[in-house]
Amino acid sequence: MSVITVGRGDALLVIDVQNDFCPGGPLAVPGGHEVVPAVNLIARRFPLVVATQDWHPKGHCSFASTHAGKKPLETVVVGGTVQVLWPDHCVQGTRGADFHPMLDTAAFHYILRKGTRQAVDSYSAFVENDRTTRTGLDGLLKGLGIERVFVCGLATDYCVAASARDAVSAGFSVVLVEDACRGVDVPPGSLEEAIRTLRDLGVRMTTSSRVAQS
C-alpha cells in the first residue's frame, strides 16, 4: 500500500464521529472512539474537511421507540423505504449528538447535518435514504474544485459506506481511510460485504499513516 499525497483537489469527509456512536452511547460502534487519533492525524493535511452529524428530531422515524411494539434492529417501511430501527440517538441539541470531545473540530471547514427530517433517515452525506433528496454536498465539493474524496468515521458498514458509494456515483475518486473507520457488523457479515462492495466500485483503501501532505 503506497503513500497517497494530498493535493488541492482533495477533501476529507469525517462521518458521524459523535458521542452516541462512541462507547457509552446508546448506539455505540465497537471501538468507535479509536478513530479519533487517526482522524486528527490527517485532518489538517487537507485543504477541505467536511464533517457530518446525525441530527435527528425527537421521535425520528429511525427510532424503535417511535414505532409501537418495535425493537432496535427490527425493520419497518417508511415512505416506501425499508428502515432499520435503532435506539434513540443523536437527538438535535443533545450531548449525544455532539462530536467526540477529543476530535479536532477546529480542522473542519464545513459541518453537514443529516437525518434532520422526521420521516426520512439519511446514512449518506450525499443523498438521503429516500434516494431522491440530495444534501447539496456534491455541488459544494465540485464548486470548490474537489475531484477526490477521502472518507472516514462511523460506521463503516452504514454511513461511511453509503457516503463512499454515493461519492463514486457523483463522479469523485474515493479513498477509504480504513484505520480511521469502525463498523458495527450488524447483521453479521455486513462489514465484510460493505468493504467488498466498495472495492468493486473502485474505492481505494489506505491508512492514516499513508496519507501525506504535499
C-alpha atoms as a PDB file:
ATOM      1  CA  MET A   1       0.000   0.000   0.000  1.00  0.00           C
ATOM      2  CA  SER A   2       1.734   3.134  -1.249  1.00  0.00           C
ATOM      3  CA  VAL A   3       1.718   6.648   0.188  1.00  0.00           C
ATOM      4  CA  ILE A   4      -1.037   8.921  -1.123  1.00  0.00           C
ATOM      5  CA  THR A   5      -0.161  12.616  -1.378  1.00  0.00           C
ATOM      6  CA  VAL A   6      -2.957  15.064  -0.632  1.00  0.00           C
ATOM      7  CA  GLY A   7      -3.350  17.922  -3.083  1.00  0.00           C
ATOM      8  CA  ARG A   8      -5.584  20.886  -3.877  1.00  0.00           C
ATOM      9  CA  GLY A   9      -8.302  18.724  -5.407  1.00  0.00           C
ATOM     10  CA  ASP A  10      -8.735  16.527  -2.331  1.00  0.00           C
ATOM     11  CA  ALA A  11     -11.249  16.673   0.511  1.00  0.00           C
ATOM     12  CA  LEU A  12     -11.711  14.671   3.698  1.00  0.00           C
ATOM     13  CA  LEU A  13     -15.190  13.587   4.819  1.00  0.00           C
ATOM     14  CA  VAL A  14     -15.412  12.831   8.540  1.00  0.00           C
ATOM     15  CA  ILE A  15     -18.612  10.871   9.043  1.00  0.00           C
ATOM     16  CA  ASP A  16     -20.590  10.986  12.319  1.00  0.00           C
ATOM     17  CA  VAL A  17     -17.832  10.814  14.944  1.00  0.00           C
ATOM     18  CA  GLN A  18     -20.376  11.641  17.634  1.00  0.00           C
ATOM     19  CA  ASN A  19     -20.780  10.733  21.292  1.00  0.00           C
ATOM     20  CA  ASP A  20     -23.797   8.477  20.771  1.00  0.00           C
ATOM     21  CA  PHE A  21     -21.757   6.319  18.370  1.00  0.00           C
ATOM     22  CA  CYS A  22     -18.851   6.002  20.806  1.00  0.00           C
ATOM     23  CA  PRO A  23     -18.534   3.851  23.963  1.00  0.00           C
ATOM     24  CA  GLY A  24     -21.218   4.774  26.474  1.00  0.00           C
ATOM     25  CA  GLY A  25     -23.629   5.929  23.777  1.00  0.00           C
ATOM     26  CA  PRO A  26     -26.919   4.161  23.027  1.00  0.00           C
ATOM     27  CA  LEU A  27     -25.718   3.183  19.553  1.00  0.00           C
ATOM     28  CA  ALA A  28     -22.029   2.693  20.310  1.00  0.00           C
ATOM     29  CA  VAL A  29     -19.874   1.343  17.491  1.00  0.00           C
ATOM     30  CA  PRO A  30     -17.302  -1.099  18.940  1.00  0.00           C
ATOM     31  CA  GLY A  31     -14.077   0.866  19.267  1.00  0.00           C
ATOM     32  CA  GLY A  32     -15.730   3.964  17.830  1.00  0.00           C
ATOM     33  CA  HIS A  33     -13.554   6.312  19.875  1.00  0.00           C
ATOM     34  CA  GLU A  34     -10.448   4.689  18.396  1.00  0.00           C
ATOM     35  CA  VAL A  35     -10.917   6.549  15.101  1.00  0.00           C
ATOM     36  CA  VAL A  36     -10.287   9.920  16.734  1.00  0.00           C
ATOM     37  CA  PRO A  37      -6.449   9.873  16.763  1.00  0.00           C
ATOM     38  CA  ALA A  38      -6.331   8.749  13.127  1.00  0.00           C
ATOM     39  CA  VAL A  39      -8.818  11.426  12.033  1.00  0.00           C
ATOM     40  CA  ASN A  40      -6.909  14.101  13.945  1.00  0.00           C
ATOM     41  CA  LEU A  41      -3.630  12.946  12.404  1.00  0.00           C
ATOM     42  CA  ILE A  42      -4.772  13.572   8.844  1.00  0.00           C
ATOM     43  CA  ALA A  43      -7.435  16.285   9.049  1.00  0.00           C
ATOM     44  CA  ARG A  44      -5.067  19.257   8.868  1.00  0.00           C
ATOM     45  CA  ARG A  45      -3.355  17.797   5.816  1.00  0.00           C
ATOM     46  CA  PHE A  46      -6.430  18.501   3.687  1.00  0.00           C
ATOM     47  CA  PRO A  47      -7.358  21.790   2.054  1.00  0.00           C
ATOM     48  CA  LEU A  48     -11.020  20.994   2.711  1.00  0.00           C
ATOM     49  CA  VAL A  49     -12.598  18.978   5.534  1.00  0.00           C
ATOM     50  CA  VAL A  50     -16.334  18.345   5.768  1.00  0.00           C
ATOM     51  CA  ALA A  51     -17.724  16.656   8.883  1.00  0.00           C
ATOM     52  CA  THR A  52     -21.214  15.214   9.169  1.00  0.00           C
ATOM     53  CA  GLN A  53     -23.501  14.820  12.143  1.00  0.00           C
ATOM     54  CA  ASP A  54     -26.620  12.734  12.524  1.00  0.00           C
ATOM     55  CA  TRP A  55     -29.026  15.412  13.756  1.00  0.00           C
ATOM     56  CA  HIS A  56     -32.392  13.813  14.425  1.00  0.00           C
ATOM     57  CA  PRO A  57     -35.560  15.404  15.800  1.00  0.00           C
ATOM     58  CA  LYS A  58     -37.282  13.701  18.714  1.00  0.00           C
ATOM     59  CA  GLY A  59     -39.486  10.855  17.518  1.00  0.00           C
ATOM     60  CA  HIS A  60     -37.441  10.324  14.367  1.00  0.00           C
ATOM     61  CA  CYS A  61     -38.552   7.521  12.054  1.00  0.00           C
ATOM     62  CA  SER A  62     -35.310   5.590  12.667  1.00  0.00           C
ATOM     63  CA  PHE A  63     -36.001   5.251  16.404  1.00  0.00           C
ATOM     64  CA  ALA A  64     -37.555   1.971  17.555  1.00  0.00           C
ATOM     65  CA  SER A  65     -39.319   3.948  20.282  1.00  0.00           C
ATOM     66  CA  THR A  66     -41.283   5.804  17.593  1.00  0.00           C
ATOM     67  CA  HIS A  67     -42.959   2.599  16.386  1.00  0.00           C
ATOM     68  CA  ALA A  68     -45.264   0.827  18.839  1.00  0.00           C
ATOM     69  CA  GLY A  69     -44.146  -2.705  19.671  1.00  0.00           C
ATOM     70  CA  LYS A  70     -40.917  -2.478  17.672  1.00  0.00           C
ATOM     71  CA  LYS A  71     -37.414  -3.131  18.947  1.00  0.00           C
ATOM     72  CA  PRO A  72     -33.986  -1.985  17.745  1.00  0.00           C
ATOM     73  CA  LEU A  73     -32.708  -3.846  14.650  1.00  0.00           C
ATOM     74  CA  GLU A  74     -36.243  -4.660  13.508  1.00  0.00           C
ATOM     75  CA  THR A  75     -37.403  -3.031  10.290  1.00  0.00           C
ATOM     76  CA  VAL A  76     -40.394  -1.051   9.136  1.00  0.00           C
ATOM     77  CA  VAL A  77     -41.349   0.575   5.846  1.00  0.00           C
ATOM     78  CA  VAL A  78     -41.364   4.373   5.933  1.00  0.00           C
ATOM     79  CA  GLY A  79     -42.464   6.205   2.805  1.00  0.00           C
ATOM     80  CA  GLY A  80     -41.784   3.127   0.696  1.00  0.00           C
ATOM     81  CA  THR A  81     -38.238   2.724   2.092  1.00  0.00           C
ATOM     82  CA  VAL A  82     -37.192  -0.116   4.391  1.00  0.00           C
ATOM     83  CA  GLN A  83     -35.955   1.431   7.623  1.00  0.00           C
ATOM     84  CA  VAL A  84     -33.752  -0.341  10.149  1.00  0.00           C
ATOM     85  CA  LEU A  85     -34.771   0.726  13.645  1.00  0.00           C
ATOM     86  CA  TRP A  86     -32.210   1.898  16.187  1.00  0.00           C
ATOM     87  CA  PRO A  87     -32.164   3.113  19.772  1.00  0.00           C
ATOM     88  CA  ASP A  88     -32.839   6.841  20.107  1.00  0.00           C
ATOM     89  CA  HIS A  89     -29.591   8.567  19.149  1.00  0.00           C
ATOM     90  CA  CYS A  90     -28.080  11.892  18.081  1.00  0.00           C
ATOM     91  CA  VAL A  91     -31.144  13.925  19.022  1.00  0.00           C
ATOM     92  CA  GLN A  92     -30.730  17.546  17.974  1.00  0.00           C
ATOM     93  CA  GLY A  93     -29.035  19.695  20.596  1.00  0.00           C
ATOM     94  CA  THR A  94     -28.123  16.876  22.974  1.00  0.00           C
ATOM     95  CA  ARG A  95     -24.660  15.883  24.184  1.00  0.00           C
ATOM     96  CA  GLY A  96     -25.053  12.598  22.316  1.00  0.00           C
ATOM     97  CA  ALA A  97     -25.230  14.476  19.026  1.00  0.00           C
ATOM     98  CA  ASP A  98     -22.042  16.406  19.784  1.00  0.00           C
ATOM     99  CA  PHE A  99     -18.745  15.429  18.194  1.00  0.00           C
ATOM    100  CA  HIS A 100     -16.431  13.300  20.323  1.00  0.00           C
ATOM    101  CA  PRO A 101     -14.719  15.744  22.711  1.00  0.00           C
ATOM    102  CA  MET A 102     -11.205  14.770  21.577  1.00  0.00           C
ATOM    103  CA  LEU A 103     -11.964  15.296  17.879  1.00  0.00           C
ATOM    104  CA  ASP A 104     -10.044  18.205  16.313  1.00  0.00           C
ATOM    105  CA  THR A 105     -13.124  20.122  15.163  1.00  0.00           C
ATOM    106  CA  ALA A 106     -11.035  23.244  14.515  1.00  0.00           C
ATOM    107  CA  ALA A 107      -9.832  21.462  11.364  1.00  0.00           C
ATOM    108  CA  PHE A 108     -13.375  21.336   9.934  1.00  0.00           C
ATOM    109  CA  HIS A 109     -14.329  23.806   7.218  1.00  0.00           C
ATOM    110  CA  TYR A 110     -17.971  22.730   6.895  1.00  0.00           C
ATOM    111  CA  ILE A 111     -20.390  20.742   9.059  1.00  0.00           C
ATOM    112  CA  LEU A 112     -23.276  18.951   7.328  1.00  0.00           C
ATOM    113  CA  ARG A 113     -26.192  17.804   9.487  1.00  0.00           C
ATOM    114  CA  LYS A 114     -28.269  14.938   8.135  1.00  0.00           C
ATOM    115  CA  GLY A 115     -31.340  12.978   9.140  1.00  0.00           C
ATOM    116  CA  THR A 116     -32.994  16.231  10.166  1.00  0.00           C
ATOM    117  CA  ARG A 117     -36.425  15.432   8.734  1.00  0.00           C
ATOM    118  CA  GLN A 118     -38.867  13.452  10.861  1.00  0.00           C
ATOM    119  CA  ALA A 119     -39.881  10.896   8.233  1.00  0.00           C
ATOM    120  CA  VAL A 120     -36.618  10.381   6.301  1.00  0.00           C
ATOM    121  CA  ASP A 121     -33.354   8.903   7.546  1.00  0.00           C
ATOM    122  CA  SER A 122     -30.014   9.757   5.986  1.00  0.00           C
ATOM    123  CA  TYR A 123     -26.994   7.484   6.124  1.00  0.00           C
ATOM    124  CA  SER A 124     -25.137   9.086   3.227  1.00  0.00           C
ATOM    125  CA  ALA A 125     -23.577  12.531   3.284  1.00  0.00           C
ATOM    126  CA  PHE A 126     -24.783  12.992  -0.309  1.00  0.00           C
ATOM    127  CA  VAL A 127     -28.303  11.550  -0.669  1.00  0.00           C
ATOM    128  CA  GLU A 128     -30.944  10.820   1.960  1.00  0.00           C
ATOM    129  CA  ASN A 129     -32.430   7.345   2.295  1.00  0.00           C
ATOM    130  CA  ASP A 130     -35.394   8.183   0.070  1.00  0.00           C
ATOM    131  CA  ARG A 131     -32.726   8.272  -2.686  1.00  0.00           C
ATOM    132  CA  THR A 132     -34.243  11.446  -4.143  1.00  0.00           C
ATOM    133  CA  THR A 133     -33.332  14.182  -1.639  1.00  0.00           C
ATOM    134  CA  ARG A 134     -29.813  15.456  -2.143  1.00  0.00           C
ATOM    135  CA  THR A 135     -27.866  17.205   0.610  1.00  0.00           C
ATOM    136  CA  GLY A 136     -26.015  19.515  -1.784  1.00  0.00           C
ATOM    137  CA  LEU A 137     -22.602  18.179  -0.770  1.00  0.00           C
ATOM    138  CA  ASP A 138     -21.665  17.068  -4.266  1.00  0.00           C
ATOM    139  CA  GLY A 139     -22.351  20.553  -5.607  1.00  0.00           C
ATOM    140  CA  LEU A 140     -20.308  22.146  -2.836  1.00  0.00           C
ATOM    141  CA  LEU A 141     -17.329  19.881  -3.458  1.00  0.00           C
ATOM    142  CA  LYS A 142     -17.410  20.263  -7.224  1.00  0.00           C
ATOM    143  CA  GLY A 143     -17.838  24.017  -6.911  1.00  0.00           C
ATOM    144  CA  LEU A 144     -14.655  24.110  -4.838  1.00  0.00           C
ATOM    145  CA  GLY A 145     -12.709  22.073  -7.376  1.00  0.00           C
ATOM    146  CA  ILE A 146     -12.660  18.797  -5.451  1.00  0.00           C
ATOM    147  CA  GLU A 147     -12.001  15.701  -7.532  1.00  0.00           C
ATOM    148  CA  ARG A 148     -11.026  13.115  -4.922  1.00  0.00           C
ATOM    149  CA  VAL A 149     -12.716  12.367  -1.608  1.00  0.00           C
ATOM    150  CA  PHE A 150     -11.192  10.570   1.372  1.00  0.00           C
ATOM    151  CA  VAL A 151     -13.801   9.076   3.709  1.00  0.00           C
ATOM    152  CA  CYS A 152     -13.512   8.083   7.381  1.00  0.00           C
ATOM    153  CA  GLY A 153     -15.647   7.853  10.516  1.00  0.00           C
ATOM    154  CA  LEU A 154     -18.582   5.810  11.811  1.00  0.00           C
ATOM    155  CA  ALA A 155     -19.867   3.317  10.977  1.00  0.00           C
ATOM    156  CA  THR A 156     -18.024   1.635   8.130  1.00  0.00           C
ATOM    157  CA  ASP A 157     -20.909  -0.588   7.038  1.00  0.00           C
ATOM    158  CA  TYR A 158     -23.595   2.092   7.239  1.00  0.00           C
ATOM    159  CA  CYS A 159     -22.999   5.837   6.955  1.00  0.00           C
ATOM    160  CA  VAL A 160     -19.365   5.603   5.825  1.00  0.00           C
ATOM    161  CA  ALA A 161     -20.096   3.023   3.126  1.00  0.00           C
ATOM    162  CA  ALA A 162     -23.206   4.880   1.957  1.00  0.00           C
ATOM    163  CA  SER A 163     -21.249   8.122   1.683  1.00  0.00           C
ATOM    164  CA  ALA A 164     -18.418   6.438  -0.199  1.00  0.00           C
ATOM    165  CA  ARG A 165     -20.810   4.753  -2.646  1.00  0.00           C
ATOM    166  CA  ASP A 166     -22.626   7.995  -3.349  1.00  0.00           C
ATOM    167  CA  ALA A 167     -19.344   9.857  -3.772  1.00  0.00           C
ATOM    168  CA  VAL A 168     -18.442   7.373  -6.506  1.00  0.00           C
ATOM    169  CA  SER A 169     -21.869   7.848  -8.097  1.00  0.00           C
ATOM    170  CA  ALA A 170     -21.334  11.613  -8.027  1.00  0.00           C
ATOM    171  CA  GLY A 171     -18.148  11.192 -10.063  1.00  0.00           C
ATOM    172  CA  PHE A 172     -15.447  11.530  -7.401  1.00  0.00           C
ATOM    173  CA  SER A 173     -12.441   9.295  -6.972  1.00  0.00           C
ATOM    174  CA  VAL A 174     -12.811   7.829  -3.480  1.00  0.00           C
ATOM    175  CA  VAL A 175     -10.325   6.642  -0.858  1.00  0.00           C
ATOM    176  CA  LEU A 176     -11.358   4.909   2.372  1.00  0.00           C
ATOM    177  CA  VAL A 177      -9.040   5.533   5.343  1.00  0.00           C
ATOM    178  CA  GLU A 178      -9.502   2.145   6.973  1.00  0.00           C
ATOM    179  CA  ASP A 179      -7.925   2.738  10.389  1.00  0.00           C
ATOM    180  CA  ALA A 180      -9.998   5.917  10.761  1.00  0.00           C
ATOM    181  CA  CYS A 181     -13.227   3.878  10.471  1.00  0.00           C
ATOM    182  CA  ARG A 182     -15.016   1.326  12.633  1.00  0.00           C
ATOM    183  CA  GLY A 183     -18.011  -0.844  11.764  1.00  0.00           C
ATOM    184  CA  VAL A 184     -20.902  -2.421  13.651  1.00  0.00           C
ATOM    185  CA  ASP A 185     -21.169  -5.622  11.571  1.00  0.00           C
ATOM    186  CA  VAL A 186     -24.940  -5.797  12.115  1.00  0.00           C
ATOM    187  CA  PRO A 187     -26.229  -8.067  10.695  1.00  0.00           C
ATOM    188  CA  PRO A 188     -23.119 -10.261  10.868  1.00  0.00           C
ATOM    189  CA  GLY A 189     -21.169 -10.079   7.633  1.00  0.00           C
ATOM    190  CA  SER A 190     -22.324  -6.560   6.767  1.00  0.00           C
ATOM    191  CA  LEU A 191     -18.879  -5.092   7.389  1.00  0.00           C
ATOM    192  CA  GLU A 192     -17.115  -7.535   5.075  1.00  0.00           C
ATOM    193  CA  GLU A 193     -19.813  -7.064   2.448  1.00  0.00           C
ATOM    194  CA  ALA A 194     -19.507  -3.272   2.639  1.00  0.00           C
ATOM    195  CA  ILE A 195     -15.736  -3.380   2.110  1.00  0.00           C
ATOM    196  CA  ARG A 196     -16.094  -5.807  -0.765  1.00  0.00           C
ATOM    197  CA  THR A 197     -18.726  -3.619  -2.430  1.00  0.00           C
ATOM    198  CA  LEU A 198     -16.548  -0.523  -2.094  1.00  0.00           C
ATOM    199  CA  ARG A 199     -13.561  -2.311  -3.591  1.00  0.00           C
ATOM    200  CA  ASP A 200     -15.734  -3.474  -6.502  1.00  0.00           C
ATOM    201  CA  LEU A 201     -16.734   0.150  -7.101  1.00  0.00           C
ATOM    202  CA  GLY A 202     -13.085   1.137  -7.381  1.00  0.00           C
ATOM    203  CA  VAL A 203     -12.700   2.698  -3.936  1.00  0.00           C
ATOM    204  CA  ARG A 204      -9.050   2.710  -2.926  1.00  0.00           C
ATOM    205  CA  MET A 205      -8.064   1.594   0.575  1.00  0.00           C
ATOM    206  CA  THR A 206      -5.380   3.287   2.657  1.00  0.00           C
ATOM    207  CA  THR A 207      -4.424   4.068   6.260  1.00  0.00           C
ATOM    208  CA  SER A 208      -3.807   7.351   8.051  1.00  0.00           C
ATOM    209  CA  SER A 209      -0.046   6.734   8.137  1.00  0.00           C
ATOM    210  CA  ARG A 210      -0.018   6.613   4.325  1.00  0.00           C
ATOM    211  CA  VAL A 211      -1.836   9.908   3.800  1.00  0.00           C
ATOM    212  CA  ALA A 212       0.836  12.555   3.241  1.00  0.00           C
ATOM    213  CA  GLN A 213       0.622  16.320   2.788  1.00  0.00           C
ATOM    214  CA  SER A 214       2.014  17.726  -0.453  1.00  0.00           C
END
